[in-house]
Protein backbone atom coordinates (compact mmCIF):
# COMPACT_ATOMS: atom_id res chain seq x y z
CA MET A 1 -26.62 34.49 -38.88
CA THR A 2 -29.44 34.48 -35.99
CA ALA A 3 -28.00 33.25 -32.70
CA GLY A 4 -29.83 29.91 -33.27
CA ALA A 5 -28.21 29.24 -36.07
CA LEU A 6 -24.75 30.09 -34.75
CA LEU A 7 -25.58 27.60 -31.67
CA CYS A 8 -26.70 25.30 -34.54
CA VAL A 9 -23.77 24.92 -36.37
CA LEU A 10 -21.35 25.08 -33.33
CA ALA A 11 -23.20 21.85 -32.50
CA ALA A 12 -22.82 20.16 -35.61
CA ALA A 13 -19.24 21.01 -35.21
CA LEU A 14 -18.23 20.24 -32.19
CA VAL A 15 -19.91 16.88 -31.17
CA PRO A 16 -19.67 14.98 -34.04
CA SER A 17 -15.75 15.54 -34.12
CA PHE A 18 -15.55 14.86 -30.45
CA LEU A 19 -17.57 12.06 -30.47
CA ILE A 20 -15.69 10.33 -33.37
CA ALA A 21 -12.30 11.37 -32.18
CA LEU A 22 -13.09 9.38 -28.54
CA VAL A 23 -14.08 6.61 -30.48
CA VAL A 24 -11.10 6.30 -32.78
CA VAL A 25 -8.73 6.85 -30.27
CA GLY A 26 -9.67 4.59 -27.40
CA LEU A 27 -9.88 1.83 -30.34
CA VAL A 28 -6.32 2.99 -31.61
CA ARG A 29 -5.12 2.30 -27.93
CA ARG A 30 -6.18 -0.98 -27.82
CA GLY A 31 -4.88 -1.73 -31.15
CA ALA A 32 -1.29 0.12 -30.99
CA ARG A 33 0.57 -2.63 -30.30
CA ARG A 34 -0.91 -4.73 -32.97
CA LEU A 35 -0.16 -1.69 -35.19
CA GLY A 36 2.98 -1.09 -34.25
CA LEU A 37 2.54 2.18 -33.00
CA LEU A 38 3.98 2.53 -29.80
CA ASP A 39 6.91 5.19 -28.23
CA ARG A 40 9.32 3.08 -26.71
CA PRO A 41 11.49 5.16 -23.68
CA THR A 42 14.22 6.33 -24.28
CA GLY A 43 17.09 8.56 -22.82
CA ARG A 44 14.98 11.53 -23.95
CA LYS A 45 11.80 10.34 -23.37
CA ASP A 46 9.91 10.95 -19.50
CA HIS A 47 8.14 7.68 -19.71
CA ALA A 48 9.45 4.88 -17.84
CA GLN A 49 6.89 2.20 -20.04
CA PRO A 50 6.21 1.73 -24.23
CA ILE A 51 2.80 4.24 -24.14
CA PRO A 52 0.63 4.03 -27.46
CA LEU A 53 0.83 6.40 -30.65
CA GLY A 54 -1.66 6.88 -33.47
CA GLY A 55 -3.31 9.32 -31.60
CA GLY A 56 -3.14 11.86 -34.21
CA ILE A 57 -5.48 8.88 -36.36
CA GLY A 58 -8.45 9.40 -34.11
CA ILE A 59 -8.25 13.55 -34.83
CA TRP A 60 -7.84 13.02 -38.40
CA ALA A 61 -10.55 10.85 -38.17
CA GLY A 62 -12.93 13.20 -36.68
CA VAL A 63 -12.66 16.43 -38.90
CA VAL A 64 -12.21 14.04 -42.35
CA GLY A 65 -15.56 11.94 -40.59
CA THR A 66 -17.76 15.14 -39.51
CA LEU A 67 -16.81 16.61 -43.19
CA THR A 68 -17.62 13.29 -44.46
CA VAL A 69 -21.21 14.19 -42.81
CA GLY A 70 -21.45 17.39 -43.60
CA THR A 71 -21.45 17.18 -46.85
CA ALA A 72 -23.76 14.28 -47.38
CA VAL A 73 -26.40 16.70 -45.37
CA VAL A 74 -25.38 19.62 -47.73
CA TRP A 75 -26.00 17.27 -50.47
CA ILE A 76 -29.28 16.32 -49.36
CA CYS A 77 -30.40 19.44 -48.26
CA SER A 78 -29.55 21.30 -51.54
CA LYS A 79 -31.22 18.59 -53.85
CA ASN A 80 -34.47 18.36 -51.51
CA SER A 81 -36.04 21.52 -50.18
CA THR A 82 -38.40 19.24 -48.11
CA VAL A 83 -35.10 17.86 -45.76
CA ALA A 84 -34.03 22.03 -46.44
CA ASP A 85 -36.78 23.39 -44.76
CA TRP A 86 -36.15 21.39 -41.45
CA LEU A 87 -32.55 23.47 -41.22
CA PRO A 88 -32.57 27.01 -39.90
CA GLN A 89 -33.38 30.11 -42.23
CA ALA A 90 -30.26 31.34 -42.62
CA LEU A 91 -28.64 28.06 -43.34
CA GLN A 92 -31.24 27.92 -46.12
CA ALA A 93 -29.91 30.88 -47.61
CA ASN A 94 -26.06 29.46 -47.54
CA LEU A 95 -26.70 26.30 -48.70
CA ASP A 96 -25.32 27.27 -52.45
CA GLY A 97 -22.56 28.53 -51.09
CA LEU A 98 -21.63 25.95 -48.62
CA MET A 99 -21.74 23.34 -51.90
CA ASN A 100 -19.36 25.32 -53.91
CA LYS A 101 -17.02 25.28 -50.61
CA VAL A 102 -17.09 21.38 -50.88
CA ALA A 103 -15.04 20.87 -53.40
CA GLU A 104 -12.14 23.13 -51.92
CA ILE A 105 -12.54 21.92 -48.11
CA TRP A 106 -11.86 18.19 -49.53
CA VAL A 107 -8.81 18.90 -51.12
CA ILE A 108 -7.81 20.72 -48.23
CA ALA A 109 -8.66 17.65 -46.71
CA GLY A 110 -7.06 15.40 -48.40
CA CYS A 111 -3.50 17.09 -47.87
CA GLY A 112 -3.73 17.31 -44.29
CA THR A 113 -4.51 13.37 -45.02
CA LEU A 114 -1.23 13.01 -46.84
CA LEU A 115 0.44 14.88 -44.24
CA MET A 116 -1.27 12.48 -41.69
CA LEU A 117 0.16 9.62 -43.05
CA LEU A 118 3.43 11.09 -43.73
CA GLY A 119 3.69 10.95 -39.65
CA LEU A 120 1.90 7.81 -39.54
CA TRP A 121 5.09 6.64 -41.37
CA ASP A 122 7.28 8.70 -39.03
CA ASP A 123 5.81 6.96 -36.18
CA ARG A 124 5.51 3.31 -37.27
CA ARG A 125 9.57 3.20 -39.12
CA GLY A 126 11.04 7.14 -38.60
CA ILE A 127 11.97 8.83 -41.86
CA PRO A 128 14.84 11.67 -42.64
CA TRP A 129 14.01 14.94 -41.65
CA TRP A 130 14.93 15.65 -45.23
CA LEU A 131 11.89 13.56 -46.53
CA ARG A 132 9.93 15.09 -44.50
CA LEU A 133 10.30 18.68 -44.99
CA GLY A 134 9.80 18.15 -48.59
CA VAL A 135 6.82 16.76 -48.67
CA GLU A 136 5.87 19.61 -45.97
CA PHE A 137 6.92 21.74 -48.78
CA GLY A 138 5.37 20.63 -51.32
CA VAL A 139 1.68 19.99 -49.89
CA ALA A 140 2.21 23.83 -48.82
CA SER A 141 3.49 24.74 -52.33
CA PHE A 142 0.30 22.85 -53.77
CA CYS A 143 -2.03 24.53 -51.63
CA VAL A 144 -0.56 28.44 -51.50
CA TYR A 145 0.48 27.87 -55.88
CA TRP A 146 -2.42 25.46 -56.65
CA GLN A 147 -5.17 26.81 -54.96
CA GLY A 148 -4.39 29.66 -54.53
CA LEU A 149 -4.34 30.30 -50.24
CA GLN A 150 -1.79 33.34 -49.33
CA LEU A 151 -1.63 34.76 -46.58
CA THR A 152 -3.60 38.33 -46.19
CA ALA A 153 -0.18 40.55 -45.59
CA PHE A 154 -1.25 43.30 -48.06
CA ILE A 155 2.64 43.13 -49.53
CA GLU A 156 2.72 44.22 -53.26
CA LEU A 157 4.94 41.80 -54.28
CA PRO A 158 3.23 38.13 -55.28
CA TRP A 159 6.40 36.01 -55.09
CA LEU A 160 7.05 37.18 -51.70
CA THR A 161 3.70 36.60 -50.13
CA GLY A 162 3.30 33.14 -52.18
CA LEU A 163 6.90 32.34 -50.22
CA LEU A 164 5.53 33.40 -46.92
CA SER A 165 2.83 31.48 -46.83
CA VAL A 166 4.54 28.10 -47.42
CA ILE A 167 6.76 29.03 -44.62
CA TRP A 168 4.25 29.88 -42.83
CA ILE A 169 2.50 26.16 -43.44
CA VAL A 170 5.48 24.62 -42.94
CA ALA A 171 6.57 26.24 -39.37
CA LEU A 172 2.92 25.58 -37.72
CA ILE A 173 3.02 22.06 -39.00
CA ASN A 174 6.65 22.04 -37.24
CA SER A 175 5.79 23.95 -34.68
CA PHE A 176 3.25 21.36 -33.28
CA ASN A 177 5.25 18.89 -33.99
CA MET A 178 8.08 19.65 -31.28
CA LEU A 179 5.22 20.97 -28.76
CA ASP A 180 4.34 17.47 -28.54
CA ASN A 181 7.04 16.74 -25.75
CA MET A 182 4.79 16.43 -22.78
CA ASP A 183 1.11 14.83 -21.85
CA GLY A 184 -1.37 18.05 -22.72
CA LEU A 185 0.26 20.04 -24.82
CA SER A 186 0.12 20.17 -27.68
CA GLY A 187 -3.29 19.01 -28.21
CA GLY A 188 -4.62 21.52 -25.44
CA VAL A 189 -2.59 24.48 -26.73
CA ALA A 190 -4.04 23.40 -30.03
CA ALA A 191 -7.46 23.48 -28.65
CA ILE A 192 -7.33 27.10 -27.35
CA SER A 193 -5.28 28.72 -29.44
CA THR A 194 -8.23 27.49 -32.34
CA THR A 195 -10.45 28.37 -30.28
CA MET A 196 -9.36 31.88 -30.25
CA LEU A 197 -9.09 32.17 -33.97
CA ALA A 198 -12.79 31.24 -34.55
CA VAL A 199 -13.91 33.48 -31.93
CA MET A 200 -12.33 35.98 -33.57
CA LEU A 201 -14.16 35.26 -36.99
CA LEU A 202 -17.40 34.80 -35.48
CA THR A 203 -16.74 38.34 -34.01
CA THR A 204 -16.18 39.99 -36.40
CA PRO A 205 -17.85 40.65 -39.98
CA GLU A 206 -16.20 40.88 -43.01
CA THR A 207 -16.37 44.65 -44.82
CA GLY A 208 -19.87 44.44 -47.01
CA ARG A 209 -21.31 41.46 -45.14
CA VAL A 210 -23.46 41.04 -42.64
CA GLN A 211 -22.38 37.57 -42.03
CA PRO A 212 -18.61 36.59 -40.04
CA GLN A 213 -16.68 34.38 -41.90
CA VAL A 214 -18.82 31.26 -40.37
CA PHE A 215 -16.90 29.12 -42.79
CA VAL A 216 -13.82 28.72 -41.40
CA ALA A 217 -14.78 29.61 -37.86
CA THR A 218 -16.78 25.74 -38.25
CA MET A 219 -13.61 24.20 -39.70
CA LEU A 220 -11.33 25.75 -37.08
CA PHE A 221 -14.49 24.38 -34.42
CA ILE A 222 -14.76 21.21 -36.47
CA LEU A 223 -10.80 20.68 -35.02
CA VAL A 224 -11.49 22.01 -31.92
CA GLY A 225 -14.30 19.18 -30.96
CA ALA A 226 -11.32 16.52 -32.47
CA LEU A 227 -8.67 17.72 -30.00
CA VAL A 228 -11.05 17.15 -27.24
CA GLY A 229 -12.10 14.03 -27.73
CA PHE A 230 -8.15 13.22 -27.86
CA LEU A 231 -7.44 14.97 -24.58
CA TRP A 232 -10.00 12.84 -22.83
CA HIS A 233 -7.31 10.24 -23.90
CA ASN A 234 -4.07 11.97 -23.31
CA TRP A 235 -4.58 14.28 -20.93
CA PRO A 236 -2.20 13.41 -18.02
CA PRO A 237 -1.13 10.68 -17.21
CA ALA A 238 -1.82 10.29 -20.77
CA LYS A 239 -3.27 6.51 -21.89
CA ILE A 240 -1.85 7.39 -25.25
CA PHE A 241 0.29 10.32 -28.26
CA MET A 242 -0.93 11.90 -30.71
CA GLY A 243 2.21 11.26 -32.38
CA ASP A 244 3.45 12.87 -35.68
CA ALA A 245 0.62 11.58 -37.26
CA GLY A 246 -1.70 14.36 -34.89
CA SER A 247 0.83 17.02 -34.76
CA TYR A 248 1.03 17.17 -38.41
CA PHE A 249 -2.24 17.54 -39.54
CA ILE A 250 -2.90 19.65 -36.39
CA GLY A 251 -0.13 22.12 -37.67
CA PHE A 252 -1.62 22.34 -41.43
CA TRP A 253 -4.89 22.48 -41.03
CA ILE A 254 -4.87 25.79 -38.50
CA ALA A 255 -2.17 27.05 -40.34
CA VAL A 256 -4.60 26.95 -44.06
CA ALA A 257 -7.57 28.22 -41.98
CA THR A 258 -5.45 31.48 -40.86
CA LEU A 259 -5.04 31.92 -44.89
CA LEU A 260 -8.29 30.91 -45.59
CA ALA A 261 -9.37 33.61 -43.47
CA THR A 262 -9.03 36.57 -46.00
CA TYR A 263 -9.20 39.17 -43.48
CA THR A 264 -10.47 41.60 -46.22
CA GLY A 265 -13.36 43.01 -43.64
CA TYR A 266 -10.09 44.60 -41.53
CA GLN A 267 -8.25 45.91 -44.96
CA GLY A 268 -9.97 49.59 -44.34
CA SER A 269 -10.27 50.88 -40.71
CA SER A 270 -8.24 48.06 -39.24
CA PRO A 271 -5.66 46.01 -41.65
CA HIS A 272 -3.45 45.50 -38.28
CA ALA A 273 -6.12 42.69 -37.48
CA VAL A 274 -3.76 40.65 -40.19
CA VAL A 275 -0.64 40.26 -37.61
CA ALA A 276 -3.55 38.01 -34.86
CA PRO A 277 -2.59 34.49 -36.16
CA LEU A 278 0.98 35.67 -35.24
CA ILE A 279 0.06 36.47 -31.88
CA VAL A 280 -2.16 33.49 -31.13
CA MET A 281 0.11 31.16 -32.58
CA ALA A 282 3.26 33.30 -30.50
CA ILE A 283 3.91 30.57 -27.54
CA PRO A 284 4.39 27.35 -30.67
CA LEU A 285 6.27 29.75 -32.37
CA TYR A 286 8.61 30.72 -29.60
CA ASP A 287 8.59 26.88 -28.80
CA MET A 288 10.14 25.97 -31.88
CA THR A 289 12.27 28.79 -32.54
CA SER A 290 14.54 28.81 -29.17
CA VAL A 291 14.45 24.57 -29.48
CA ILE A 292 16.37 25.40 -32.83
CA LEU A 293 18.19 28.14 -31.64
CA ILE A 294 19.75 26.04 -28.98
CA ARG A 295 20.24 23.31 -31.05
CA LEU A 296 22.23 25.15 -33.39
CA ARG A 297 24.15 26.79 -30.74
CA GLU A 298 25.31 23.81 -29.31
CA GLY A 299 26.38 22.42 -32.62
CA ARG A 300 24.13 19.71 -33.22
CA SER A 301 20.77 19.16 -36.11
CA PRO A 302 17.96 21.12 -35.27
CA PHE A 303 15.83 18.09 -36.52
CA GLU A 304 17.80 15.82 -33.37
CA GLY A 305 15.54 15.18 -30.04
CA ASP A 306 16.36 16.57 -27.12
CA GLN A 307 14.25 17.19 -23.52
CA ARG A 308 15.01 21.60 -24.38
CA HIS A 309 11.46 22.62 -24.82
CA PHE A 310 9.88 25.43 -23.19
CA SER A 311 8.12 22.86 -21.17
CA HIS A 312 11.53 21.12 -20.04
CA ARG A 313 12.97 24.52 -19.50
CA LEU A 314 9.88 25.24 -17.12
CA VAL A 315 10.02 21.61 -15.39
CA ARG A 316 13.87 22.87 -14.32
CA LEU A 317 12.79 26.06 -13.21
CA GLY A 318 10.95 23.98 -10.43
CA MET A 319 7.36 22.88 -12.00
CA THR A 320 5.77 19.92 -11.84
CA LYS A 321 4.73 18.80 -15.66
CA LYS A 322 1.68 19.63 -14.85
CA GLN A 323 2.58 23.16 -13.50
CA ALA A 324 4.39 23.13 -16.81
CA VAL A 325 1.34 22.58 -19.44
CA LEU A 326 -0.79 25.20 -17.29
CA THR A 327 1.21 27.71 -17.58
CA ILE A 328 1.73 27.04 -20.98
CA TYR A 329 -1.83 27.00 -21.19
CA LEU A 330 -2.16 30.64 -19.68
CA ALA A 331 0.29 32.12 -21.97
CA THR A 332 -1.19 30.55 -25.46
CA ALA A 333 -4.40 31.98 -23.81
CA THR A 334 -2.79 35.68 -22.80
CA CYS A 335 -1.27 36.06 -26.54
CA SER A 336 -4.75 34.98 -27.77
CA LEU A 337 -7.14 36.97 -25.80
CA SER A 338 -5.21 40.23 -26.99
CA ALA A 339 -5.09 39.03 -30.50
CA ILE A 340 -9.44 38.83 -30.61
CA LEU A 341 -9.18 42.59 -30.13
CA LEU A 342 -7.19 43.43 -32.76
CA PRO A 343 -10.04 44.43 -35.53
CA ARG A 344 -11.66 46.15 -32.69
CA VAL A 345 -8.72 48.84 -32.03
CA ASP A 346 -6.56 51.59 -33.84
CA TRP A 347 -3.29 50.95 -35.60
CA ILE A 348 -1.71 52.78 -31.58
CA GLY A 349 -4.21 49.82 -29.85
CA ALA A 350 -2.92 47.35 -32.26
CA VAL A 351 0.74 48.16 -31.07
CA LEU A 352 0.31 47.70 -27.77
CA ILE A 353 -1.31 44.25 -28.22
CA VAL A 354 1.93 42.83 -30.41
CA LEU A 355 4.28 44.94 -27.34
CA GLY A 356 1.72 42.99 -24.95
CA THR A 357 2.83 40.46 -27.28
CA VAL A 358 6.50 40.53 -26.98
CA LEU A 359 6.89 41.07 -23.15
CA VAL A 360 4.96 37.63 -22.49
CA LEU A 361 8.01 35.94 -24.83
CA CYS A 362 10.10 38.46 -22.80
CA LEU A 363 8.75 37.66 -19.58
CA VAL A 364 9.14 33.96 -19.56
CA ARG A 365 13.06 34.52 -21.42
CA VAL A 366 14.34 35.96 -18.44
CA LEU A 367 12.58 33.41 -15.85
CA GLU A 368 14.79 30.64 -17.82
CA SER A 369 17.66 32.45 -18.02
CA VAL A 370 16.88 32.79 -14.10
CA GLY A 371 16.38 28.78 -13.96
CA ARG A 372 19.71 28.68 -16.24
CA ARG A 373 22.65 30.42 -13.06
CA GLU A 374 20.58 28.91 -10.60
CA ASP A 375 21.31 25.03 -12.46
């Protein structure tokens, strides 16, 4: 694909999703009280006044709205060669492939919509953790076992690959949900990590093919555009929160995209590139794992909300909330940048990249321990 065609694809992914999310989040802000979408202050909340919820509706609308427009354009171009002539030559050559992907992407969008509605219900009424987790596992299992989306892990045990794929989807859903605890945090981390994953796919061709994995990268960039549109309203001091509706949808969309990226191009000289999503998601997964372990150690439910998250622990070190968010952004970018190198190095380089990620997490852990002793 030429640079011009690639720029067209990126613009078609980023611009509509940004504009749709920007407008819809603004509308939800104004109607949040009427919709019953308010996050009221409690003992574990930082804000003193009720803040609108439902920003996740805008993120979802940005993604689904862009998919709707894209589907209509692809369908019209596939039926009318005169209209298709307006497209870059590289895109014209891939129209048939895009048409074959339409049904698959809409099934995924439907599953994401179900999770968004689940989160919206949780935002408005609150639902038991076991019901929430049950629906998440149900949707993840459908995607893995019915749609055939599985991790590229080179494991010779299909049942284990399927199980790990389901766990991966549920883990990312909950990691971004738990990370949503400060203004601009979950949305910003998602935008950084998603961009890095897309760049990796666009810069590494698949084996036996000239083109990189443009379809999955486009899917990721659509989410990036929607996230930036949401962050316009969520940047500190936040005027609206994404809520569970947003974090469930974000975690699911990113998880499925990593499963769709087959990594077949890395199976020959650099199969170690399959760990790239794990490295890119190291910070959200670290936050989720550390919080769960803290709660279990204290004899509390891992699903009980508190202020023991990574961001809160950085604030207790003396950082402002904005500094804590920026620190987590930088940690995410550091891990993600190294992941982009994985397809370009041998196994020794891959080991060094993985060790570098582990050392970043160890450094974070040491800093947190210093803060606890000073308390």
